[in-house]
Amino acid sequence: MRNGGDVTLKALRKLPADTQQDILDYLRDAPLYEAVTVNDKDFLLVHAGLDHFAPNKKLSEYTSDELMWASPDIMDAYFDDIITIFGHTPTFSYGDSHRGSLIKTQTWINIDVGAAFGEAPVLLRLDDWKEFRLS
């Protein structure tokens, strides 16, 4: 199985040096998480979930590793009043029944359907929860 990070680095190396630098600068300056509200519903956008989640722990108290390298269990629950949206762990890692599909729980949504591994990407529009499959 290919490593998604390797695919990304190989693609980056093929770009002109100034474009590479622009992308690296963008990633360096990108926030570790973003809170957004859509149609009066609150969402937390984060790369990989919330490792060592505690309901009373402030977002600012999470380390970058806890936000970048989490791999939530299907039974993990986050905030009751905020839907956490993340990727990082391809949904097929939760079993073949999740291959190529978003995983939606009561408190989080995993949007990483495994595009780096050949699955067609899926976009989720937060306004109406409509999914768009890219082929």
N, C-alpha and C. Protein backbone atom coordinates (compact mmCIF):
# COMPACT_ATOMS: atom_id res chain seq x y z
N MET A 1 0.84 -1.18 0.00
CA MET A 1 0.00 0.00 0.00
C MET A 1 0.89 1.24 0.00
N ARG A 2 0.52 2.23 -0.78
CA ARG A 2 1.29 3.47 -0.85
C ARG A 2 1.09 4.29 0.42
N ASN A 3 2.08 5.07 0.75
CA ASN A 3 1.97 6.02 1.85
C ASN A 3 1.52 7.35 1.27
N GLY A 4 0.38 7.87 1.74
CA GLY A 4 -0.16 9.13 1.22
C GLY A 4 0.82 10.29 1.34
N GLY A 5 1.60 10.32 2.42
CA GLY A 5 2.59 11.38 2.58
C GLY A 5 3.66 11.32 1.52
N ASP A 6 4.07 10.10 1.14
CA ASP A 6 5.07 9.95 0.08
C ASP A 6 4.54 10.48 -1.24
N VAL A 7 3.28 10.19 -1.53
CA VAL A 7 2.67 10.67 -2.77
C VAL A 7 2.69 12.19 -2.79
N THR A 8 2.33 12.81 -1.69
CA THR A 8 2.29 14.26 -1.60
C THR A 8 3.69 14.86 -1.76
N LEU A 9 4.69 14.30 -1.12
CA LEU A 9 6.05 14.82 -1.23
C LEU A 9 6.60 14.66 -2.64
N LYS A 10 6.31 13.55 -3.28
CA LYS A 10 6.77 13.35 -4.66
C LYS A 10 6.14 14.38 -5.58
N ALA A 11 4.85 14.63 -5.40
CA ALA A 11 4.16 15.63 -6.23
C ALA A 11 4.74 17.02 -5.97
N LEU A 12 5.05 17.34 -4.72
CA LEU A 12 5.60 18.64 -4.37
C LEU A 12 6.97 18.85 -5.03
N ARG A 13 7.77 17.80 -5.07
CA ARG A 13 9.11 17.90 -5.66
C ARG A 13 9.06 18.21 -7.15
N LYS A 14 7.97 17.88 -7.81
CA LYS A 14 7.83 18.09 -9.26
C LYS A 14 7.45 19.53 -9.60
N LEU A 15 7.08 20.32 -8.60
CA LEU A 15 6.65 21.70 -8.83
C LEU A 15 7.84 22.64 -8.90
N PRO A 16 7.67 23.78 -9.54
CA PRO A 16 8.74 24.80 -9.54
C PRO A 16 9.10 25.22 -8.11
N ALA A 17 10.34 25.60 -7.89
CA ALA A 17 10.83 25.94 -6.55
C ALA A 17 10.00 27.02 -5.88
N ASP A 18 9.59 28.07 -6.62
CA ASP A 18 8.81 29.13 -6.00
C ASP A 18 7.43 28.64 -5.58
N THR A 19 6.85 27.72 -6.35
CA THR A 19 5.55 27.14 -5.98
C THR A 19 5.71 26.25 -4.75
N GLN A 20 6.78 25.48 -4.70
CA GLN A 20 7.07 24.66 -3.53
C GLN A 20 7.13 25.53 -2.28
N GLN A 21 7.86 26.65 -2.39
CA GLN A 21 8.02 27.54 -1.25
C GLN A 21 6.69 28.15 -0.83
N ASP A 22 5.87 28.54 -1.80
CA ASP A 22 4.54 29.09 -1.49
C ASP A 22 3.70 28.07 -0.72
N ILE A 23 3.73 26.83 -1.14
CA ILE A 23 2.95 25.78 -0.46
C ILE A 23 3.49 25.55 0.94
N LEU A 24 4.80 25.47 1.09
CA LEU A 24 5.39 25.26 2.41
C LEU A 24 5.10 26.44 3.35
N ASP A 25 5.15 27.67 2.82
CA ASP A 25 4.82 28.84 3.63
C ASP A 25 3.36 28.79 4.08
N TYR A 26 2.47 28.41 3.16
CA TYR A 26 1.04 28.28 3.48
C TYR A 26 0.84 27.27 4.60
N LEU A 27 1.46 26.11 4.47
CA LEU A 27 1.30 25.06 5.48
C LEU A 27 1.89 25.48 6.83
N ARG A 28 3.01 26.17 6.79
CA ARG A 28 3.65 26.63 8.03
C ARG A 28 2.76 27.62 8.78
N ASP A 29 2.05 28.47 8.02
CA ASP A 29 1.20 29.50 8.62
C ASP A 29 -0.23 29.04 8.90
N ALA A 30 -0.60 27.85 8.41
CA ALA A 30 -1.98 27.37 8.58
C ALA A 30 -2.27 27.09 10.05
N PRO A 31 -3.49 27.40 10.49
CA PRO A 31 -3.84 27.11 11.88
C PRO A 31 -3.97 25.60 12.10
N LEU A 32 -3.78 25.15 13.33
CA LEU A 32 -3.92 23.74 13.65
C LEU A 32 -5.38 23.31 13.68
N TYR A 33 -6.27 24.25 13.88
CA TYR A 33 -7.71 23.96 13.87
C TYR A 33 -8.45 25.23 13.52
N GLU A 34 -9.69 25.06 13.12
CA GLU A 34 -10.54 26.20 12.79
C GLU A 34 -11.96 25.90 13.28
N ALA A 35 -12.54 26.81 13.98
CA ALA A 35 -13.94 26.69 14.41
C ALA A 35 -14.79 27.50 13.44
N VAL A 36 -15.84 26.88 12.91
CA VAL A 36 -16.73 27.55 11.99
C VAL A 36 -18.17 27.26 12.38
N THR A 37 -19.05 28.18 12.02
CA THR A 37 -20.49 27.99 12.24
C THR A 37 -21.18 28.09 10.89
N VAL A 38 -22.01 27.11 10.60
CA VAL A 38 -22.77 27.08 9.36
C VAL A 38 -24.22 26.78 9.72
N ASN A 39 -25.12 27.68 9.33
CA ASN A 39 -26.55 27.50 9.63
C ASN A 39 -26.78 27.21 11.12
N ASP A 40 -26.15 27.99 11.96
CA ASP A 40 -26.28 27.88 13.42
C ASP A 40 -25.76 26.56 14.01
N LYS A 41 -24.98 25.81 13.25
CA LYS A 41 -24.35 24.59 13.74
C LYS A 41 -22.85 24.82 13.82
N ASP A 42 -22.25 24.45 14.95
CA ASP A 42 -20.82 24.66 15.17
C ASP A 42 -20.01 23.43 14.74
N PHE A 43 -18.90 23.72 14.08
CA PHE A 43 -17.99 22.69 13.61
C PHE A 43 -16.57 23.04 14.03
N LEU A 44 -15.80 22.01 14.31
CA LEU A 44 -14.37 22.15 14.56
C LEU A 44 -13.66 21.39 13.45
N LEU A 45 -12.85 22.09 12.68
CA LEU A 45 -12.09 21.48 11.59
C LEU A 45 -10.66 21.27 12.08
N VAL A 46 -10.21 20.03 12.03
CA VAL A 46 -8.88 19.70 12.52
C VAL A 46 -8.34 18.55 11.67
N HIS A 47 -7.04 18.47 11.55
CA HIS A 47 -6.43 17.49 10.66
C HIS A 47 -6.78 16.04 11.01
N ALA A 48 -6.60 15.66 12.28
CA ALA A 48 -6.66 14.23 12.61
C ALA A 48 -7.55 13.88 13.79
N GLY A 49 -8.34 14.78 14.28
CA GLY A 49 -9.13 14.50 15.47
C GLY A 49 -8.46 15.08 16.70
N LEU A 50 -8.87 14.62 17.85
CA LEU A 50 -8.38 15.16 19.12
C LEU A 50 -7.87 14.01 19.99
N ASP A 51 -6.57 13.79 19.94
CA ASP A 51 -5.97 12.74 20.76
C ASP A 51 -6.02 13.16 22.23
N HIS A 52 -6.26 12.22 23.10
CA HIS A 52 -6.39 12.47 24.54
C HIS A 52 -7.52 13.46 24.83
N PHE A 53 -8.65 13.28 24.15
CA PHE A 53 -9.77 14.21 24.30
C PHE A 53 -10.29 14.22 25.73
N ALA A 54 -10.60 15.41 26.21
CA ALA A 54 -11.28 15.62 27.48
C ALA A 54 -12.25 16.78 27.28
N PRO A 55 -13.52 16.63 27.65
CA PRO A 55 -14.52 17.66 27.36
C PRO A 55 -14.19 19.03 27.96
N ASN A 56 -13.44 19.07 29.04
CA ASN A 56 -13.11 20.35 29.67
C ASN A 56 -11.75 20.90 29.24
N LYS A 57 -11.06 20.18 28.37
CA LYS A 57 -9.75 20.62 27.90
C LYS A 57 -9.95 21.68 26.82
N LYS A 58 -9.29 22.81 26.97
CA LYS A 58 -9.38 23.88 25.98
C LYS A 58 -8.63 23.48 24.71
N LEU A 59 -9.13 23.92 23.58
CA LEU A 59 -8.45 23.61 22.31
C LEU A 59 -7.01 24.09 22.32
N SER A 60 -6.78 25.23 22.94
CA SER A 60 -5.42 25.79 22.99
C SER A 60 -4.47 24.92 23.82
N GLU A 61 -5.00 23.99 24.61
CA GLU A 61 -4.17 23.11 25.43
C GLU A 61 -3.71 21.85 24.69
N TYR A 62 -4.30 21.59 23.52
CA TYR A 62 -3.87 20.43 22.74
C TYR A 62 -2.54 20.72 22.08
N THR A 63 -1.68 19.72 22.07
CA THR A 63 -0.39 19.87 21.39
C THR A 63 -0.62 19.68 19.89
N SER A 64 0.34 20.14 19.10
CA SER A 64 0.22 19.92 17.65
C SER A 64 0.18 18.43 17.33
N ASP A 65 0.93 17.62 18.06
CA ASP A 65 0.88 16.17 17.84
C ASP A 65 -0.51 15.60 18.11
N GLU A 66 -1.20 16.10 19.13
CA GLU A 66 -2.55 15.61 19.44
C GLU A 66 -3.56 15.98 18.36
N LEU A 67 -3.29 17.03 17.62
CA LEU A 67 -4.19 17.46 16.55
C LEU A 67 -3.79 16.90 15.18
N MET A 68 -2.52 16.59 15.01
CA MET A 68 -2.01 16.16 13.70
C MET A 68 -1.89 14.64 13.56
N TRP A 69 -1.79 13.92 14.67
CA TRP A 69 -1.49 12.49 14.58
C TRP A 69 -2.52 11.61 15.27
N ALA A 70 -3.65 12.15 15.67
CA ALA A 70 -4.69 11.34 16.30
C ALA A 70 -5.21 10.31 15.31
N SER A 71 -5.71 9.23 15.83
CA SER A 71 -6.36 8.20 15.03
C SER A 71 -7.54 7.69 15.85
N PRO A 72 -8.65 8.43 15.82
CA PRO A 72 -9.78 8.11 16.70
C PRO A 72 -10.35 6.71 16.48
N ASP A 73 -10.78 6.12 17.55
CA ASP A 73 -11.50 4.86 17.52
C ASP A 73 -12.94 5.17 17.11
N ILE A 74 -13.59 4.25 16.45
CA ILE A 74 -14.96 4.47 15.98
C ILE A 74 -15.91 4.79 17.14
N MET A 75 -15.60 4.36 18.34
CA MET A 75 -16.45 4.60 19.51
C MET A 75 -16.10 5.89 20.25
N ASP A 76 -15.02 6.56 19.87
CA ASP A 76 -14.65 7.81 20.54
C ASP A 76 -15.73 8.86 20.34
N ALA A 77 -15.93 9.67 21.35
CA ALA A 77 -16.88 10.78 21.27
C ALA A 77 -16.17 12.05 21.65
N TYR A 78 -16.54 13.13 20.98
CA TYR A 78 -15.96 14.44 21.26
C TYR A 78 -17.04 15.32 21.88
N PHE A 79 -17.08 16.59 21.50
CA PHE A 79 -18.01 17.55 22.08
C PHE A 79 -19.45 17.21 21.73
N ASP A 80 -20.37 17.44 22.67
CA ASP A 80 -21.79 17.18 22.43
C ASP A 80 -22.42 18.21 21.51
N ASP A 81 -21.93 19.44 21.52
CA ASP A 81 -22.58 20.53 20.80
C ASP A 81 -21.78 21.05 19.61
N ILE A 82 -20.69 20.36 19.26
CA ILE A 82 -19.84 20.74 18.14
C ILE A 82 -19.50 19.47 17.37
N ILE A 83 -19.66 19.51 16.06
CA ILE A 83 -19.25 18.38 15.23
C ILE A 83 -17.79 18.60 14.82
N THR A 84 -16.93 17.66 15.16
CA THR A 84 -15.53 17.74 14.79
C THR A 84 -15.35 17.03 13.44
N ILE A 85 -14.71 17.71 12.51
CA ILE A 85 -14.48 17.15 11.18
C ILE A 85 -12.97 17.01 10.98
N PHE A 86 -12.57 15.82 10.57
CA PHE A 86 -11.14 15.57 10.39
C PHE A 86 -10.92 14.55 9.29
N GLY A 87 -9.66 14.34 8.97
CA GLY A 87 -9.25 13.32 8.02
C GLY A 87 -8.12 12.52 8.63
N HIS A 88 -7.02 12.44 7.93
CA HIS A 88 -5.78 11.80 8.36
C HIS A 88 -5.86 10.27 8.37
N THR A 89 -6.87 9.68 8.98
CA THR A 89 -7.01 8.23 9.01
C THR A 89 -8.02 7.81 7.95
N PRO A 90 -7.57 7.14 6.89
CA PRO A 90 -8.52 6.74 5.85
C PRO A 90 -9.65 5.89 6.43
N THR A 91 -10.84 6.14 5.95
CA THR A 91 -12.01 5.46 6.51
C THR A 91 -11.94 3.94 6.35
N PHE A 92 -11.22 3.43 5.33
CA PHE A 92 -11.11 1.98 5.19
C PHE A 92 -10.35 1.35 6.35
N SER A 93 -9.62 2.18 7.13
CA SER A 93 -8.93 1.69 8.32
C SER A 93 -9.91 1.21 9.39
N TYR A 94 -11.15 1.64 9.28
CA TYR A 94 -12.19 1.24 10.23
C TYR A 94 -12.93 -0.02 9.74
N GLY A 95 -12.50 -0.58 8.63
CA GLY A 95 -13.11 -1.79 8.08
C GLY A 95 -13.60 -1.55 6.66
N ASP A 96 -13.68 -2.63 5.89
CA ASP A 96 -14.07 -2.52 4.49
C ASP A 96 -15.45 -1.91 4.29
N SER A 97 -16.33 -2.03 5.27
CA SER A 97 -17.67 -1.45 5.12
C SER A 97 -17.63 0.08 5.03
N HIS A 98 -16.51 0.68 5.43
CA HIS A 98 -16.36 2.14 5.39
C HIS A 98 -15.53 2.62 4.20
N ARG A 99 -15.04 1.69 3.38
CA ARG A 99 -14.18 2.03 2.25
C ARG A 99 -14.90 2.99 1.30
N GLY A 100 -14.24 4.11 1.00
CA GLY A 100 -14.78 5.08 0.05
C GLY A 100 -15.94 5.92 0.57
N SER A 101 -16.23 5.84 1.85
CA SER A 101 -17.36 6.58 2.43
C SER A 101 -16.90 7.44 3.60
N LEU A 102 -17.62 8.53 3.81
CA LEU A 102 -17.40 9.31 5.02
C LEU A 102 -17.90 8.51 6.20
N ILE A 103 -17.33 8.74 7.36
CA ILE A 103 -17.85 8.14 8.59
C ILE A 103 -18.45 9.27 9.41
N LYS A 104 -19.72 9.14 9.77
CA LYS A 104 -20.42 10.15 10.57
C LYS A 104 -20.87 9.51 11.87
N THR A 105 -20.41 10.07 12.98
CA THR A 105 -20.87 9.63 14.29
C THR A 105 -21.69 10.78 14.89
N GLN A 106 -22.12 10.62 16.11
CA GLN A 106 -22.87 11.68 16.79
C GLN A 106 -22.03 12.94 17.00
N THR A 107 -20.70 12.79 17.12
CA THR A 107 -19.88 13.94 17.48
C THR A 107 -18.75 14.25 16.50
N TRP A 108 -18.50 13.37 15.54
CA TRP A 108 -17.42 13.63 14.58
C TRP A 108 -17.71 13.01 13.22
N ILE A 109 -16.99 13.57 12.22
CA ILE A 109 -17.07 13.06 10.85
C ILE A 109 -15.65 12.92 10.33
N ASN A 110 -15.34 11.73 9.81
CA ASN A 110 -14.05 11.51 9.17
C ASN A 110 -14.28 11.63 7.67
N ILE A 111 -13.60 12.58 7.03
CA ILE A 111 -13.79 12.84 5.61
C ILE A 111 -12.67 12.26 4.74
N ASP A 112 -11.72 11.54 5.34
CA ASP A 112 -10.61 10.96 4.58
C ASP A 112 -11.03 9.60 4.03
N VAL A 113 -11.51 9.58 2.80
CA VAL A 113 -11.97 8.33 2.19
C VAL A 113 -10.84 7.55 1.54
N GLY A 114 -9.62 8.05 1.62
CA GLY A 114 -8.47 7.33 1.09
C GLY A 114 -8.08 7.74 -0.32
N ALA A 115 -8.21 9.00 -0.65
CA ALA A 115 -7.85 9.47 -1.99
C ALA A 115 -6.38 9.18 -2.32
N ALA A 116 -5.52 9.25 -1.34
CA ALA A 116 -4.10 8.96 -1.57
C ALA A 116 -3.87 7.49 -1.90
N PHE A 117 -4.88 6.66 -1.66
CA PHE A 117 -4.79 5.23 -1.92
C PHE A 117 -5.68 4.81 -3.09
N GLY A 118 -6.12 5.79 -3.89
CA GLY A 118 -6.87 5.48 -5.09
C GLY A 118 -8.38 5.62 -5.00
N GLU A 119 -8.91 5.93 -3.84
CA GLU A 119 -10.36 6.14 -3.72
C GLU A 119 -10.73 7.51 -4.26
N ALA A 120 -11.91 7.64 -4.83
CA ALA A 120 -12.38 8.93 -5.33
C ALA A 120 -12.66 9.84 -4.15
N PRO A 121 -12.12 11.07 -4.14
CA PRO A 121 -12.37 11.99 -3.03
C PRO A 121 -13.85 12.32 -2.89
N VAL A 122 -14.24 12.61 -1.65
CA VAL A 122 -15.61 13.02 -1.35
C VAL A 122 -15.54 14.34 -0.61
N LEU A 123 -16.31 15.31 -1.08
CA LEU A 123 -16.42 16.61 -0.41
C LEU A 123 -17.74 16.65 0.34
N LEU A 124 -17.75 17.31 1.47
CA LEU A 124 -18.97 17.46 2.27
C LEU A 124 -19.30 18.94 2.40
N ARG A 125 -20.47 19.32 1.90
CA ARG A 125 -20.93 20.71 2.03
C ARG A 125 -21.66 20.84 3.36
N LEU A 126 -21.17 21.73 4.21
CA LEU A 126 -21.72 21.85 5.56
C LEU A 126 -23.09 22.52 5.60
N ASP A 127 -23.45 23.29 4.58
CA ASP A 127 -24.76 23.95 4.56
C ASP A 127 -25.90 22.95 4.67
N ASP A 128 -25.78 21.85 3.90
CA ASP A 128 -26.88 20.89 3.81
C ASP A 128 -26.42 19.43 3.91
N TRP A 129 -25.16 19.21 4.25
CA TRP A 129 -24.58 17.89 4.44
C TRP A 129 -24.53 17.07 3.14
N LYS A 130 -24.65 17.74 2.00
CA LYS A 130 -24.59 17.04 0.72
C LYS A 130 -23.16 16.62 0.43
N GLU A 131 -23.02 15.37 -0.05
CA GLU A 131 -21.71 14.83 -0.40
C GLU A 131 -21.52 14.91 -1.91
N PHE A 132 -20.31 15.26 -2.31
CA PHE A 132 -19.95 15.33 -3.72
C PHE A 132 -18.77 14.40 -3.96
N ARG A 133 -18.96 13.43 -4.83
CA ARG A 133 -17.89 12.48 -5.17
C ARG A 133 -17.16 12.99 -6.40
N LEU A 134 -15.86 13.05 -6.31
CA LEU A 134 -15.04 13.50 -7.42
C LEU A 134 -14.46 12.28 -8.11
N SER A 135 -14.51 12.26 -9.41
CA SER A 135 -13.93 11.11 -10.10
C SER A 135 -12.97 11.53 -11.17
